[in-house]
């Protein structure tokens, strides 16, 4: 059984970009529990009468700062692999975005 649809010649970059973005996002989300644990673990373990709790925020900062880079990396890889397809898809995306904006301005969109 295959989980990948048969390839179509028009959209290989888009399918792979989506798969790469989902994989990157999954990795990013996977780093969040550890980072949150470093912040909330000491707070949860502190005695109830303790006023302040020292926590480590480096992991949270690392996840927050690496997010944009991790999500841009698949896109730049696709642009290098399929420049024509990515350029075409970007042009279509800009046209459809502009059309949606015009519909909203006229009161006919979501």
N, C-alpha and C. Protein backbone atom coordinates (compact mmCIF):
# COMPACT_ATOMS: atom_id res chain seq x y z
N UNK A 1 0.85 -1.18 0.00
CA UNK A 1 0.00 0.00 0.00
C UNK A 1 0.89 1.24 0.00
N UNK A 2 0.56 2.18 -0.85
CA UNK A 2 1.34 3.42 -0.92
C UNK A 2 0.55 4.57 -0.29
N UNK A 3 1.26 5.46 0.36
CA UNK A 3 0.60 6.61 0.98
C UNK A 3 0.84 7.88 0.18
N UNK A 4 1.64 7.79 -0.87
CA UNK A 4 1.93 8.94 -1.70
C UNK A 4 1.11 8.86 -2.97
N UNK A 5 0.42 9.93 -3.34
CA UNK A 5 -0.36 9.89 -4.57
C UNK A 5 0.58 9.79 -5.77
N UNK A 6 0.06 9.28 -6.88
CA UNK A 6 0.90 9.19 -8.08
C UNK A 6 1.41 10.58 -8.46
N UNK A 7 2.64 10.66 -8.94
CA UNK A 7 3.20 11.98 -9.26
C UNK A 7 2.50 12.63 -10.44
N UNK A 8 2.34 13.91 -10.34
CA UNK A 8 1.84 14.69 -11.47
C UNK A 8 2.95 15.63 -11.89
N UNK A 9 3.11 15.86 -13.15
CA UNK A 9 4.24 16.67 -13.61
C UNK A 9 4.17 18.14 -13.21
N UNK A 10 3.00 18.64 -12.84
CA UNK A 10 2.87 20.07 -12.58
C UNK A 10 3.25 20.50 -11.16
N UNK A 11 3.18 19.61 -10.19
CA UNK A 11 3.32 20.08 -8.82
C UNK A 11 4.30 19.30 -7.94
N UNK A 12 5.40 18.80 -8.45
CA UNK A 12 6.32 18.06 -7.57
C UNK A 12 6.94 18.95 -6.51
N UNK A 13 7.26 20.17 -6.85
CA UNK A 13 7.88 21.07 -5.88
C UNK A 13 6.91 21.40 -4.75
N UNK A 14 5.67 21.62 -5.09
CA UNK A 14 4.68 21.96 -4.07
C UNK A 14 4.46 20.80 -3.10
N UNK A 15 4.30 19.59 -3.62
CA UNK A 15 4.10 18.43 -2.74
C UNK A 15 5.30 18.22 -1.83
N UNK A 16 6.47 18.30 -2.40
CA UNK A 16 7.67 18.09 -1.59
C UNK A 16 7.89 19.23 -0.62
N UNK A 17 7.57 20.44 -1.03
CA UNK A 17 7.69 21.58 -0.12
C UNK A 17 6.75 21.39 1.07
N UNK A 18 5.53 20.98 0.80
CA UNK A 18 4.59 20.75 1.89
C UNK A 18 5.09 19.65 2.81
N UNK A 19 5.60 18.56 2.23
CA UNK A 19 6.11 17.46 3.05
C UNK A 19 7.31 17.92 3.88
N UNK A 20 8.19 18.69 3.27
CA UNK A 20 9.35 19.19 4.02
C UNK A 20 8.93 20.17 5.10
N UNK A 21 7.97 21.03 4.80
CA UNK A 21 7.49 21.97 5.82
C UNK A 21 6.83 21.24 6.98
N UNK A 22 6.05 20.23 6.68
CA UNK A 22 5.41 19.44 7.75
C UNK A 22 6.46 18.74 8.59
N UNK A 23 7.48 18.18 7.95
CA UNK A 23 8.56 17.51 8.69
C UNK A 23 9.31 18.51 9.57
N UNK A 24 9.62 19.69 9.02
CA UNK A 24 10.32 20.72 9.80
C UNK A 24 9.46 21.19 10.97
N UNK A 25 8.19 21.39 10.71
CA UNK A 25 7.28 21.83 11.77
C UNK A 25 7.14 20.77 12.85
N UNK A 26 7.09 19.51 12.45
CA UNK A 26 7.02 18.40 13.42
C UNK A 26 8.26 18.39 14.31
N UNK A 27 9.44 18.58 13.71
CA UNK A 27 10.67 18.64 14.50
C UNK A 27 10.65 19.83 15.46
N UNK A 28 10.17 20.95 14.98
CA UNK A 28 10.09 22.15 15.82
C UNK A 28 9.12 21.95 16.98
N UNK A 29 7.97 21.37 16.69
CA UNK A 29 6.99 21.10 17.74
C UNK A 29 7.55 20.09 18.73
N UNK A 30 8.31 19.12 18.24
CA UNK A 30 8.91 18.12 19.12
C UNK A 30 9.90 18.71 20.10
N UNK A 31 10.52 19.83 19.77
CA UNK A 31 11.46 20.48 20.68
C UNK A 31 10.75 21.28 21.77
N UNK A 32 9.49 21.59 21.59
CA UNK A 32 8.76 22.43 22.54
C UNK A 32 8.57 21.79 23.91
N UNK A 33 8.22 20.51 24.04
CA UNK A 33 8.01 19.96 25.38
C UNK A 33 9.26 20.02 26.25
N UNK A 34 10.42 19.73 25.68
CA UNK A 34 11.65 19.80 26.46
C UNK A 34 11.91 21.23 26.93
N UNK A 35 11.73 22.17 26.03
CA UNK A 35 11.95 23.57 26.38
C UNK A 35 10.96 24.02 27.44
N UNK A 36 9.71 23.64 27.29
CA UNK A 36 8.70 24.01 28.29
C UNK A 36 8.99 23.34 29.63
N UNK A 37 9.48 22.11 29.59
CA UNK A 37 9.82 21.41 30.82
C UNK A 37 10.91 22.10 31.61
N UNK A 38 11.86 22.70 30.91
CA UNK A 38 12.93 23.42 31.60
C UNK A 38 12.41 24.67 32.29
N UNK A 39 11.32 25.23 31.80
CA UNK A 39 10.73 26.41 32.43
C UNK A 39 9.75 26.00 33.52
N UNK A 40 8.81 25.12 33.19
CA UNK A 40 7.73 24.82 34.12
C UNK A 40 8.06 23.72 35.12
N UNK A 41 9.05 22.87 34.81
CA UNK A 41 9.44 21.82 35.75
C UNK A 41 9.89 22.38 37.09
N UNK A 42 10.83 23.33 37.10
CA UNK A 42 11.24 23.91 38.38
C UNK A 42 10.12 24.65 39.10
N UNK A 43 9.24 25.27 38.35
CA UNK A 43 8.11 25.97 38.98
C UNK A 43 7.19 24.96 39.65
N UNK A 44 6.92 23.86 38.97
CA UNK A 44 6.04 22.83 39.53
C UNK A 44 6.69 22.15 40.74
N UNK A 45 8.00 22.02 40.74
CA UNK A 45 8.69 21.33 41.83
C UNK A 45 8.98 22.23 43.03
N UNK A 46 8.81 23.51 42.87
CA UNK A 46 9.11 24.44 43.97
C UNK A 46 8.09 24.31 45.10
N UNK A 47 8.53 24.54 46.32
CA UNK A 47 7.59 24.53 47.45
C UNK A 47 6.51 25.59 47.27
N UNK A 48 5.31 25.34 47.77
CA UNK A 48 4.20 26.27 47.56
C UNK A 48 4.45 27.67 48.14
N UNK A 49 5.25 27.76 49.18
CA UNK A 49 5.45 29.06 49.80
C UNK A 49 6.65 29.82 49.23
N UNK A 50 7.35 29.24 48.26
CA UNK A 50 8.50 29.91 47.66
C UNK A 50 8.02 31.00 46.71
N UNK A 51 8.54 32.19 46.92
CA UNK A 51 8.10 33.35 46.13
C UNK A 51 8.64 33.32 44.69
N UNK A 52 9.93 33.17 44.52
CA UNK A 52 10.52 33.19 43.19
C UNK A 52 11.16 31.85 42.87
N UNK A 53 11.16 31.51 41.60
CA UNK A 53 11.76 30.25 41.16
C UNK A 53 12.69 30.56 40.00
N UNK A 54 13.92 30.08 40.09
CA UNK A 54 14.87 30.28 39.01
C UNK A 54 14.63 29.22 37.94
N UNK A 55 14.50 29.66 36.71
CA UNK A 55 14.25 28.75 35.59
C UNK A 55 15.27 29.01 34.49
N UNK A 56 15.44 28.04 33.64
CA UNK A 56 16.35 28.14 32.50
C UNK A 56 15.51 28.36 31.24
N UNK A 57 15.73 29.46 30.56
CA UNK A 57 14.93 29.78 29.36
C UNK A 57 15.72 29.60 28.06
N UNK A 58 16.95 29.12 28.15
CA UNK A 58 17.77 28.99 26.95
C UNK A 58 17.13 28.10 25.89
N UNK A 59 16.54 26.98 26.29
CA UNK A 59 15.90 26.08 25.32
C UNK A 59 14.73 26.76 24.64
N UNK A 60 13.95 27.52 25.39
CA UNK A 60 12.82 28.24 24.79
C UNK A 60 13.31 29.26 23.77
N UNK A 61 14.37 29.97 24.13
CA UNK A 61 14.93 30.96 23.21
C UNK A 61 15.48 30.27 21.95
N UNK A 62 16.12 29.13 22.14
CA UNK A 62 16.69 28.39 21.01
C UNK A 62 15.58 27.94 20.06
N UNK A 63 14.50 27.41 20.60
CA UNK A 63 13.38 26.96 19.76
C UNK A 63 12.75 28.16 19.04
N UNK A 64 12.54 29.25 19.77
CA UNK A 64 11.91 30.43 19.17
C UNK A 64 12.77 31.02 18.06
N UNK A 65 14.07 31.06 18.28
CA UNK A 65 14.95 31.68 17.28
C UNK A 65 15.22 30.77 16.09
N UNK A 66 15.16 29.47 16.29
CA UNK A 66 15.45 28.56 15.18
C UNK A 66 14.22 28.29 14.31
N UNK A 67 13.04 28.58 14.81
CA UNK A 67 11.81 28.30 14.07
C UNK A 67 11.77 28.86 12.66
N UNK A 68 11.96 30.17 12.51
CA UNK A 68 11.90 30.72 11.15
C UNK A 68 12.93 30.11 10.20
N UNK A 69 14.13 29.89 10.69
CA UNK A 69 15.17 29.30 9.85
C UNK A 69 14.79 27.87 9.45
N UNK A 70 14.30 27.09 10.41
CA UNK A 70 13.93 25.71 10.11
C UNK A 70 12.78 25.63 9.11
N UNK A 71 11.89 26.60 9.14
CA UNK A 71 10.76 26.59 8.22
C UNK A 71 11.12 27.18 6.86
N UNK A 72 12.13 28.03 6.79
CA UNK A 72 12.57 28.58 5.51
C UNK A 72 13.49 27.64 4.75
N UNK A 73 14.17 26.77 5.44
CA UNK A 73 15.13 25.87 4.81
C UNK A 73 14.49 24.98 3.74
N UNK A 74 13.36 24.33 4.00
CA UNK A 74 12.75 23.50 2.94
C UNK A 74 12.39 24.30 1.70
N UNK A 75 11.95 25.50 1.90
CA UNK A 75 11.57 26.35 0.76
C UNK A 75 12.79 26.68 -0.10
N UNK A 76 13.90 27.03 0.53
CA UNK A 76 15.10 27.36 -0.25
C UNK A 76 15.65 26.11 -0.95
N UNK A 77 15.52 24.95 -0.32
CA UNK A 77 15.94 23.71 -0.98
C UNK A 77 15.11 23.45 -2.23
N UNK A 78 13.81 23.68 -2.12
CA UNK A 78 12.94 23.47 -3.28
C UNK A 78 13.24 24.47 -4.39
N UNK A 79 13.50 25.70 -4.01
CA UNK A 79 13.83 26.71 -5.01
C UNK A 79 15.09 26.32 -5.77
N UNK A 80 16.05 25.73 -5.07
CA UNK A 80 17.27 25.28 -5.74
C UNK A 80 17.01 24.07 -6.63
N UNK A 81 16.12 23.18 -6.22
CA UNK A 81 15.86 21.96 -6.99
C UNK A 81 14.94 22.19 -8.18
N UNK A 82 13.89 22.99 -7.98
CA UNK A 82 12.88 23.21 -9.02
C UNK A 82 12.62 24.71 -9.19
N UNK A 83 13.58 25.47 -9.66
CA UNK A 83 13.38 26.93 -9.72
C UNK A 83 12.19 27.34 -10.58
N UNK A 84 12.00 26.71 -11.70
CA UNK A 84 10.89 27.09 -12.59
C UNK A 84 9.54 26.79 -11.95
N UNK A 85 9.42 25.62 -11.35
CA UNK A 85 8.15 25.25 -10.71
C UNK A 85 7.84 26.17 -9.54
N UNK A 86 8.83 26.48 -8.73
CA UNK A 86 8.61 27.35 -7.58
C UNK A 86 8.25 28.76 -8.04
N UNK A 87 8.92 29.25 -9.07
CA UNK A 87 8.60 30.57 -9.61
C UNK A 87 7.17 30.61 -10.13
N UNK A 88 6.77 29.57 -10.86
CA UNK A 88 5.40 29.50 -11.39
C UNK A 88 4.38 29.44 -10.25
N UNK A 89 4.64 28.60 -9.25
CA UNK A 89 3.71 28.47 -8.13
C UNK A 89 3.62 29.76 -7.33
N UNK A 90 4.74 30.46 -7.16
CA UNK A 90 4.71 31.74 -6.45
C UNK A 90 3.87 32.76 -7.21
N UNK A 91 4.00 32.78 -8.53
CA UNK A 91 3.21 33.71 -9.34
C UNK A 91 1.72 33.41 -9.22
N UNK A 92 1.37 32.13 -9.26
CA UNK A 92 -0.04 31.74 -9.10
C UNK A 92 -0.53 32.13 -7.71
N UNK A 93 0.28 31.89 -6.72
CA UNK A 93 -0.09 32.22 -5.35
C UNK A 93 -0.34 33.72 -5.18
N UNK A 94 0.53 34.54 -5.78
CA UNK A 94 0.33 35.99 -5.69
C UNK A 94 -0.96 36.42 -6.38
N UNK A 95 -1.25 35.80 -7.53
CA UNK A 95 -2.49 36.16 -8.23
C UNK A 95 -3.72 35.75 -7.43
N UNK A 96 -3.72 34.54 -6.88
CA UNK A 96 -4.89 34.10 -6.13
C UNK A 96 -5.03 34.88 -4.83
N UNK A 97 -3.90 35.25 -4.20
CA UNK A 97 -3.95 36.06 -2.98
C UNK A 97 -4.56 37.42 -3.30
N UNK A 98 -4.09 38.03 -4.39
CA UNK A 98 -4.62 39.33 -4.78
C UNK A 98 -6.11 39.24 -5.08
N UNK A 99 -6.53 38.17 -5.73
CA UNK A 99 -7.95 37.99 -6.04
C UNK A 99 -8.77 37.84 -4.76
N UNK A 100 -8.26 37.09 -3.80
CA UNK A 100 -8.99 36.93 -2.53
C UNK A 100 -9.10 38.27 -1.81
N UNK A 101 -8.05 39.06 -1.86
CA UNK A 101 -8.09 40.38 -1.22
C UNK A 101 -9.12 41.27 -1.87
N UNK A 102 -9.20 41.25 -3.21
CA UNK A 102 -10.19 42.06 -3.91
C UNK A 102 -11.60 41.63 -3.53
N UNK A 103 -11.83 40.31 -3.40
CA UNK A 103 -13.16 39.82 -3.03
C UNK A 103 -13.52 40.27 -1.62
N UNK A 104 -12.57 40.25 -0.71
CA UNK A 104 -12.85 40.69 0.66
C UNK A 104 -13.17 42.17 0.70
N UNK A 105 -12.46 42.97 -0.12
CA UNK A 105 -12.72 44.39 -0.14
C UNK A 105 -14.10 44.69 -0.69
N UNK A 106 -14.56 43.84 -1.58
CA UNK A 106 -15.91 44.02 -2.15
C UNK A 106 -16.99 43.38 -1.30
N UNK A 107 -16.57 42.71 -0.22
CA UNK A 107 -17.55 42.11 0.66
C UNK A 107 -18.02 40.73 0.22
N UNK A 108 -17.27 40.05 -0.65
CA UNK A 108 -17.72 38.76 -1.16
C UNK A 108 -16.83 37.62 -0.71
N UNK A 109 -16.01 37.81 0.28
CA UNK A 109 -15.09 36.75 0.67
C UNK A 109 -15.23 36.40 2.14
N UNK A 110 -14.47 35.40 2.56
CA UNK A 110 -14.53 34.99 3.97
C UNK A 110 -13.96 36.03 4.89
